[in-house]
Protein backbone atom coordinates (compact mmCIF):
# COMPACT_ATOMS: atom_id res chain seq x y z
CA MET A 1 32.27 -26.01 180.08
CA ARG A 2 32.98 -22.93 182.20
CA THR A 3 31.28 -22.93 185.66
CA PHE A 4 30.76 -19.33 187.42
CA ASN A 5 30.60 -19.18 191.01
CA GLY A 6 27.48 -17.21 191.32
CA ILE A 7 26.36 -13.69 189.94
CA ALA A 8 29.60 -11.50 190.65
CA GLU A 9 31.67 -14.07 188.80
CA LEU A 10 29.49 -13.82 185.93
CA GLU A 11 29.92 -9.89 185.87
CA ALA A 12 33.34 -9.85 186.02
CA ALA A 13 33.18 -12.01 182.92
CA VAL A 14 31.12 -9.21 180.82
CA GLY A 15 33.10 -8.44 177.74
CA THR A 16 34.82 -11.69 177.17
CA HIS A 17 33.95 -14.09 174.96
CA VAL A 18 32.70 -17.22 177.40
CA GLY A 19 33.65 -20.27 174.98
CA HIS A 20 32.12 -22.82 172.39
CA SER A 21 30.01 -25.58 172.72
CA GLU A 22 30.40 -28.79 171.05
CA TRP A 23 29.23 -29.63 167.55
CA HIS A 24 26.08 -30.88 166.83
CA THR A 25 24.92 -32.47 163.27
CA ILE A 26 21.58 -31.40 161.89
CA THR A 27 19.89 -34.40 160.25
CA GLN A 28 16.93 -34.67 158.27
CA ALA A 29 14.60 -36.35 160.67
CA GLN A 30 15.53 -32.94 162.92
CA ILE A 31 14.44 -30.62 160.09
CA ASP A 32 11.14 -32.83 159.62
CA ALA A 33 10.28 -33.12 163.22
CA PHE A 34 10.50 -29.16 163.30
CA ALA A 35 8.48 -28.78 160.21
CA THR A 36 5.87 -31.01 161.62
CA ALA A 37 5.75 -29.17 165.04
CA THR A 38 5.39 -25.36 163.40
CA GLY A 39 3.68 -26.05 160.35
CA ASP A 40 6.19 -25.17 158.08
CA HIS A 41 6.64 -27.77 155.08
CA GLN A 42 8.34 -25.53 152.56
CA TRP A 43 10.10 -27.88 150.19
CA ILE A 44 13.80 -26.37 150.39
CA HIS A 45 13.06 -28.08 154.15
CA VAL A 46 11.48 -31.11 153.67
CA ASP A 47 11.61 -32.25 150.02
CA PRO A 48 15.21 -33.66 149.32
CA GLU A 49 14.57 -34.27 145.70
CA ARG A 50 13.34 -31.29 144.60
CA ALA A 51 15.89 -28.86 147.40
CA ALA A 52 18.67 -31.07 145.45
CA GLN A 53 17.78 -29.00 142.39
CA GLY A 54 17.01 -25.71 144.24
CA PRO A 55 19.33 -22.60 144.99
CA PHE A 56 21.21 -24.80 148.09
CA GLY A 57 21.78 -28.03 146.39
CA SER A 58 20.00 -29.95 149.43
CA THR A 59 17.41 -29.12 152.06
CA ILE A 60 18.58 -26.63 154.89
CA ALA A 61 17.59 -26.02 158.55
CA HIS A 62 14.71 -23.62 159.03
CA GLY A 63 16.40 -20.46 160.51
CA TYR A 64 13.84 -20.67 163.46
CA LEU A 65 15.12 -24.85 163.93
CA THR A 66 18.85 -23.17 164.23
CA LEU A 67 17.56 -20.42 166.91
CA SER A 68 15.39 -23.08 169.08
CA LEU A 69 19.02 -25.03 169.66
CA VAL A 70 20.57 -21.90 171.45
CA PRO A 71 19.45 -22.95 174.82
CA MET A 72 21.10 -26.27 174.31
CA LEU A 73 24.04 -24.67 172.83
CA VAL A 74 24.68 -22.19 175.40
CA TRP A 75 23.88 -24.71 178.27
CA GLU A 76 27.03 -26.40 176.90
CA VAL A 77 28.92 -23.25 177.41
CA TYR A 78 28.69 -21.83 180.49
CA ALA A 79 26.82 -22.77 183.77
CA ILE A 80 25.91 -20.62 186.87
CA GLU A 81 26.51 -22.05 190.83
CA GLY A 82 24.30 -21.04 193.38
CA VAL A 83 21.10 -19.63 191.39
CA ARG A 84 18.02 -20.75 191.60
CA MET A 85 16.57 -20.47 188.05
CA GLY A 86 17.04 -19.00 184.79
CA VAL A 87 14.10 -18.15 182.34
CA ASN A 88 14.79 -17.04 178.66
CA TYR A 89 13.38 -13.29 178.94
CA GLY A 90 13.91 -12.45 175.13
CA ALA A 91 16.03 -11.63 172.07
CA ASP A 92 17.39 -8.76 170.34
CA LYS A 93 19.14 -8.30 167.06
CA LEU A 94 18.45 -11.70 165.69
CA ARG A 95 19.90 -12.60 162.22
CA PHE A 96 20.39 -15.68 159.99
CA PRO A 97 23.69 -14.45 157.48
CA ALA A 98 24.13 -18.01 156.00
CA PRO A 99 21.60 -21.26 155.78
CA VAL A 100 22.21 -24.88 157.40
CA PRO A 101 22.37 -27.51 154.66
CA VAL A 102 21.00 -31.06 156.16
CA ASP A 103 24.08 -33.01 157.45
CA SER A 104 25.87 -29.95 158.89
CA ARG A 105 27.80 -29.45 162.15
CA VAL A 106 27.07 -26.29 164.13
CA ARG A 107 28.03 -24.76 167.32
CA ALA A 108 27.72 -21.96 169.31
CA GLY A 109 30.07 -19.12 170.66
CA VAL A 110 29.02 -16.90 173.49
CA GLU A 111 29.92 -13.31 174.80
CA LEU A 112 28.86 -11.78 177.49
CA LEU A 113 27.73 -8.55 176.75
CA SER A 114 26.01 -7.29 180.34
CA VAL A 115 24.56 -8.23 183.47
CA THR A 116 22.21 -6.28 185.58
CA PRO A 117 20.14 -6.32 187.93
CA GLY A 118 16.15 -6.24 186.81
CA GLY A 119 13.07 -8.75 185.95
CA GLY A 120 13.19 -10.29 189.30
CA GLY A 121 16.97 -11.37 189.42
CA HIS A 122 19.79 -10.44 186.81
CA GLN A 123 19.19 -9.76 183.07
CA VAL A 124 22.03 -11.40 181.00
CA ARG A 125 22.54 -10.16 177.85
CA SER A 126 24.64 -12.85 175.46
CA ARG A 127 25.78 -12.52 171.74
CA VAL A 128 25.61 -15.96 170.47
CA THR A 129 26.87 -16.64 167.40
CA VAL A 130 26.22 -20.16 165.46
CA GLU A 131 28.68 -21.42 163.07
CA ARG A 132 28.71 -23.92 160.51
CA GLU A 133 31.84 -25.91 160.13
CA GLY A 134 33.46 -25.07 157.25
CA GLY A 135 30.97 -22.32 156.68
CA GLU A 136 32.31 -18.35 155.85
CA LYS A 137 29.91 -16.92 157.64
CA PRO A 138 27.58 -17.23 161.02
CA VAL A 139 24.19 -19.19 160.23
CA CYS A 140 22.69 -17.22 163.28
CA VAL A 141 23.61 -14.42 165.53
CA VAL A 142 21.44 -13.58 167.96
CA ASP A 143 21.73 -11.33 171.43
CA THR A 144 19.81 -13.38 173.86
CA VAL A 145 18.17 -11.72 177.48
CA SER A 146 17.96 -14.06 180.45
CA VAL A 147 16.88 -13.20 183.70
CA VAL A 148 19.04 -15.28 186.13
CA VAL A 149 17.67 -15.47 189.69
CA ALA A 150 19.84 -16.46 192.71
């Protein structure tokens, strides 16, 4: 994990790739819990027998499950010391280029795009690319926007 000592150090890193998170396995139990929480019980996510005969050969994680992991994954990549709080402000350019089959391992890479005053603190824009171990394409690419208050 990379640690920035305040906003000035974070600003100096704009335009760089900050690092990668650890690898995390996406389990069927996690997929099922997400389906229960969201009401999205489509068979490609929750019916292993039917999904085995489907286009992906197994169940796959919901795209929004993958997206929901982004904050956890980013927290493994970097931290900012000397700030009171950080909050999610939004997201831009969200895409799911490839599926996440059950039992896949995923991790995120983070590139800092900008740090600008705004929103009661500083808006931090990052490009987060979630990849699947052994995959040819990313499974999620999103430009996140956070507000960090010093």
